[in-house]
Amino acid sequence: MEKKKDLLEKGALVQRDGQTYAIVPHISGGLCTPAMLRTIADVSEKYNAAAIKLTSAARVAIVGLKEEDIDNVWKELELSPGAAVGLCVRSIKFCPGTTFCKMGKQDAVGLGMKLDELYHGTKMPSKFKIGVSGCRNACAESWIKDLGLIGEKKGWKVLAGGNAASKPMIASLIADSLDTDEALALIGRIVERYQQHPKAVRLGAVIEEVGLEQFKKDVGVA
């Protein structure tokens, strides 16, 4: 048990064969440099990784590592483990927004990076996924995230309670036309409200239990 805990703390996830491990370096929003990619490729090759997997959450998983190599792999990558599993805020998924995309209405990259800084790895009653989309196309899948944001001309639309798990749910609209500071303040209240919940359930189940209107009142939305 101690060995398993130690490996999890190192960000090492045992694979299907029960012998090898995968690690998931934290790369905020999937934004990386050519040098970072070269290092990941070189280290993966050096330690005979079975594969490099680009995940649906814009992460890079290095798969098929030997247990005895894990410490050296992390040392040579010079990256920290991402929150890939557990009851916490997972990596924040965000689209290119106004930084790169002609369709962008709001700065999804800026807000996504800020949310990553504030919440990545934060303990929660259950897994917690965040998607930040710069326009209504919702490329970050904001409607099926525990917390979703969608950029519009007038500001941010804030959604809560979505997921694509065993009991899929579409998120509920909590507020719209918020500027970035207002959106961040509301997100803080949503996170705080959810952290108070005593059961290990997704945010959508909490909203379903108390009712949408009551939940909106709880987070300061009239």
Protein backbone atom coordinates (compact mmCIF):
# COMPACT_ATOMS: atom_id res chain seq x y z
CA MET A 1 0.00 0.00 0.00
CA GLU A 2 2.82 2.43 0.90
CA LYS A 3 4.54 1.64 -2.38
CA LYS A 4 1.35 2.35 -4.33
CA LYS A 5 0.86 5.65 -2.47
CA ASP A 6 4.47 6.64 -3.12
CA LEU A 7 4.11 5.95 -6.83
CA LEU A 8 0.87 7.93 -7.03
CA GLU A 9 2.56 10.85 -5.31
CA LYS A 10 5.19 10.68 -8.04
CA GLY A 11 2.41 10.86 -10.61
CA ALA A 12 2.96 7.27 -11.76
CA LEU A 13 -0.13 5.33 -12.81
CA VAL A 14 0.09 1.56 -13.15
CA GLN A 15 -0.90 0.28 -16.59
CA ARG A 16 -3.01 -2.66 -17.71
CA ASP A 17 -0.05 -5.06 -17.62
CA GLY A 18 0.42 -4.40 -13.90
CA GLN A 19 4.14 -3.92 -14.48
CA THR A 20 4.70 -0.60 -16.23
CA TYR A 21 3.60 2.94 -15.49
CA ALA A 22 2.39 6.09 -17.19
CA ILE A 23 3.17 9.63 -16.11
CA VAL A 24 1.38 12.82 -17.10
CA PRO A 25 3.49 15.98 -16.86
CA HIS A 26 1.57 19.15 -16.12
CA ILE A 27 1.51 21.38 -19.19
CA SER A 28 -0.95 24.21 -18.62
CA GLY A 29 -3.66 24.06 -21.27
CA GLY A 30 -1.45 21.96 -23.50
CA LEU A 31 0.61 25.03 -24.45
CA CYS A 32 4.22 24.03 -24.85
CA THR A 33 7.42 25.02 -26.62
CA PRO A 34 9.33 23.07 -29.28
CA ALA A 35 12.11 22.59 -26.72
CA MET A 36 9.67 21.03 -24.25
CA LEU A 37 8.40 18.62 -26.91
CA ARG A 38 11.97 17.66 -27.83
CA THR A 39 12.77 16.94 -24.19
CA ILE A 40 9.65 14.81 -23.80
CA ALA A 41 10.52 12.87 -26.95
CA ASP A 42 14.18 12.42 -25.99
CA VAL A 43 13.45 11.29 -22.44
CA SER A 44 10.69 8.95 -23.59
CA GLU A 45 13.03 7.37 -26.10
CA LYS A 46 15.91 7.11 -23.62
CA TYR A 47 13.77 5.19 -21.13
CA ASN A 48 12.04 3.04 -23.75
CA ALA A 49 8.50 4.33 -23.24
CA ALA A 50 5.93 2.24 -25.08
CA ALA A 51 4.07 5.32 -26.37
CA ILE A 52 3.45 9.03 -26.01
CA LYS A 53 -0.31 9.64 -25.83
CA LEU A 54 -1.89 13.01 -26.57
CA THR A 55 -4.94 12.88 -24.32
CA SER A 56 -8.42 14.34 -24.76
CA ALA A 57 -7.65 16.78 -21.93
CA ALA A 58 -4.75 18.34 -23.87
CA ARG A 59 -2.20 16.45 -21.79
CA VAL A 60 0.82 14.38 -22.79
CA ALA A 61 0.96 10.92 -21.21
CA ILE A 62 4.23 9.00 -21.36
CA VAL A 63 3.17 5.36 -21.27
CA GLY A 64 5.00 2.12 -20.49
CA LEU A 65 7.79 3.20 -18.15
CA LYS A 66 9.61 0.90 -15.75
CA GLU A 67 9.20 1.64 -12.05
CA GLU A 68 12.93 2.02 -11.48
CA ASP A 69 13.14 4.73 -14.13
CA ILE A 70 10.36 7.01 -12.89
CA ASP A 71 12.51 9.25 -10.64
CA ASN A 72 15.08 9.81 -13.37
CA VAL A 73 12.39 10.51 -15.97
CA TRP A 74 10.89 13.27 -13.83
CA LYS A 75 14.33 14.71 -13.09
CA GLU A 76 15.23 14.90 -16.77
CA LEU A 77 11.86 16.24 -17.89
CA GLU A 78 12.07 19.10 -15.34
CA LEU A 79 8.27 19.12 -15.21
CA SER A 80 5.85 18.48 -12.35
CA PRO A 81 3.13 15.80 -12.34
CA GLY A 82 -0.30 16.81 -13.56
CA ALA A 83 -3.48 16.09 -11.58
CA ALA A 84 -4.59 13.28 -13.87
CA VAL A 85 -6.53 11.24 -11.29
CA GLY A 86 -8.10 11.69 -7.88
CA LEU A 87 -10.75 13.85 -6.24
CA CYS A 88 -9.44 17.19 -7.39
CA VAL A 89 -9.46 19.77 -10.16
CA ARG A 90 -7.95 18.10 -13.21
CA SER A 91 -6.06 19.96 -15.93
CA ILE A 92 -8.02 22.95 -17.24
CA LYS A 93 -8.94 22.56 -20.91
CA PHE A 94 -9.07 25.75 -22.96
CA CYS A 95 -9.24 26.69 -26.61
CA PRO A 96 -7.00 29.22 -28.46
CA GLY A 97 -9.50 32.04 -27.80
CA THR A 98 -8.62 35.53 -28.99
CA THR A 99 -4.92 34.73 -28.64
CA PHE A 100 -4.84 32.60 -31.80
CA CYS A 101 -8.32 31.95 -33.21
CA LYS A 102 -10.25 34.26 -35.54
CA MET A 103 -13.51 33.00 -34.01
CA GLY A 104 -12.54 33.96 -30.46
CA LYS A 105 -14.69 36.48 -28.58
CA GLN A 106 -12.88 36.33 -25.24
CA ASP A 107 -9.38 35.51 -23.99
CA ALA A 108 -9.76 31.79 -23.23
CA VAL A 109 -5.99 31.30 -22.94
CA GLY A 110 -5.57 34.07 -20.38
CA LEU A 111 -8.51 32.95 -18.27
CA GLY A 112 -7.61 29.28 -18.64
CA MET A 113 -4.05 29.90 -17.47
CA LYS A 114 -5.33 31.89 -14.50
CA LEU A 115 -7.75 29.11 -13.52
CA ASP A 116 -4.92 26.58 -13.88
CA GLU A 117 -2.78 28.69 -11.55
CA LEU A 118 -5.58 29.02 -9.01
CA TYR A 119 -7.18 25.59 -9.01
CA HIS A 120 -5.17 22.83 -10.70
CA GLY A 121 -4.91 19.94 -8.23
CA THR A 122 -7.24 21.57 -5.66
CA LYS A 123 -9.03 18.94 -3.57
CA MET A 124 -12.73 18.48 -4.29
CA PRO A 125 -15.51 16.09 -3.20
CA SER A 126 -15.14 14.34 -6.58
CA LYS A 127 -13.28 14.81 -9.85
CA PHE A 128 -13.73 18.32 -11.21
CA LYS A 129 -13.18 19.31 -14.82
CA ILE A 130 -13.05 22.84 -16.24
CA GLY A 131 -13.43 23.93 -19.84
CA VAL A 132 -12.87 27.48 -21.12
CA SER A 133 -14.10 28.25 -24.64
CA GLY A 134 -13.51 31.57 -26.37
CA CYS A 135 -16.72 31.44 -28.39
CA ARG A 136 -20.03 29.60 -28.76
CA ASN A 137 -18.41 26.79 -30.71
CA ALA A 138 -17.32 25.56 -27.26
CA CYS A 139 -14.22 23.72 -28.48
CA ALA A 140 -13.21 23.11 -24.85
CA GLU A 141 -16.46 21.16 -24.34
CA SER A 142 -17.70 23.66 -21.78
CA TRP A 143 -21.24 22.25 -21.73
CA ILE A 144 -20.04 18.89 -20.38
CA LYS A 145 -17.63 20.16 -17.75
CA ASP A 146 -18.25 20.55 -14.03
CA LEU A 147 -17.42 24.20 -14.64
CA GLY A 148 -17.64 25.68 -18.11
CA LEU A 149 -17.04 29.13 -19.56
CA ILE A 150 -18.02 30.40 -22.99
CA GLY A 151 -16.89 33.72 -24.40
CA GLU A 152 -19.39 36.04 -26.08
CA LYS A 153 -19.18 39.64 -27.27
CA LYS A 154 -20.68 40.89 -24.01
CA GLY A 155 -18.49 38.76 -21.77
CA TRP A 156 -18.37 35.32 -20.20
CA LYS A 157 -21.15 32.80 -19.84
CA VAL A 158 -20.60 30.65 -16.73
CA LEU A 159 -21.96 27.10 -16.68
CA ALA A 160 -21.89 24.46 -13.95
CA GLY A 161 -22.77 20.83 -13.43
CA GLY A 162 -21.92 19.17 -16.73
CA ASN A 163 -20.11 15.88 -17.19
CA ALA A 164 -19.74 13.08 -19.72
CA ALA A 165 -19.37 10.23 -17.23
CA SER A 166 -21.63 7.25 -16.48
CA LYS A 167 -24.54 9.61 -15.81
CA PRO A 168 -23.93 12.34 -18.42
CA MET A 169 -25.33 15.82 -17.82
CA ILE A 170 -25.42 19.08 -19.74
CA ALA A 171 -24.26 22.01 -17.61
CA SER A 172 -26.71 24.62 -16.35
CA LEU A 173 -26.33 28.32 -17.06
CA ILE A 174 -25.41 30.14 -13.86
CA ALA A 175 -24.74 33.65 -15.21
CA ASP A 176 -23.78 35.44 -18.41
CA SER A 177 -22.32 38.71 -19.70
CA LEU A 178 -19.66 38.74 -16.97
CA ASP A 179 -16.30 40.40 -17.35
CA THR A 180 -13.23 38.35 -16.43
CA ASP A 181 -13.01 39.60 -12.85
CA GLU A 182 -16.70 38.91 -12.28
CA ALA A 183 -16.35 35.44 -13.79
CA LEU A 184 -13.37 34.65 -11.55
CA ALA A 185 -15.26 35.84 -8.47
CA LEU A 186 -18.26 33.67 -9.34
CA ILE A 187 -16.03 30.67 -10.02
CA GLY A 188 -14.49 31.14 -6.58
CA ARG A 189 -17.94 31.02 -4.98
CA ILE A 190 -18.93 27.95 -6.98
CA VAL A 191 -15.76 26.13 -5.93
CA GLU A 192 -16.27 27.11 -2.29
CA ARG A 193 -19.90 25.95 -2.36
CA TYR A 194 -18.96 22.63 -3.89
CA GLN A 195 -16.13 22.02 -1.42
CA GLN A 196 -18.67 22.27 1.42
CA HIS A 197 -20.67 19.34 0.07
CA PRO A 198 -20.23 16.24 2.28
CA LYS A 199 -20.75 13.59 -0.42
CA ALA A 200 -18.32 12.36 -3.07
CA VAL A 201 -20.53 13.29 -6.03
CA ARG A 202 -20.04 15.44 -9.12
CA LEU A 203 -21.15 19.06 -9.03
CA GLY A 204 -24.12 18.29 -11.30
CA ALA A 205 -25.54 15.96 -8.66
CA VAL A 206 -25.21 18.72 -6.06
CA ILE A 207 -27.14 21.16 -8.26
CA GLU A 208 -29.73 18.48 -8.96
CA GLU A 209 -30.12 17.81 -5.23
CA VAL A 210 -30.56 21.41 -4.07
CA GLY A 211 -32.23 22.76 -7.22
CA LEU A 212 -30.75 25.17 -9.74
CA GLU A 213 -32.36 28.31 -8.33
CA GLN A 214 -31.22 27.54 -4.80
CA PHE A 215 -27.71 26.77 -6.04
CA LYS A 216 -27.60 30.12 -7.86
CA LYS A 217 -28.62 31.86 -4.65
CA ASP A 218 -25.95 29.94 -2.75
CA VAL A 219 -23.28 31.31 -5.10
CA GLY A 220 -24.58 34.85 -5.03
CA VAL A 221 -26.52 34.94 -8.32
CA ALA A 222 -29.95 36.50 -7.93
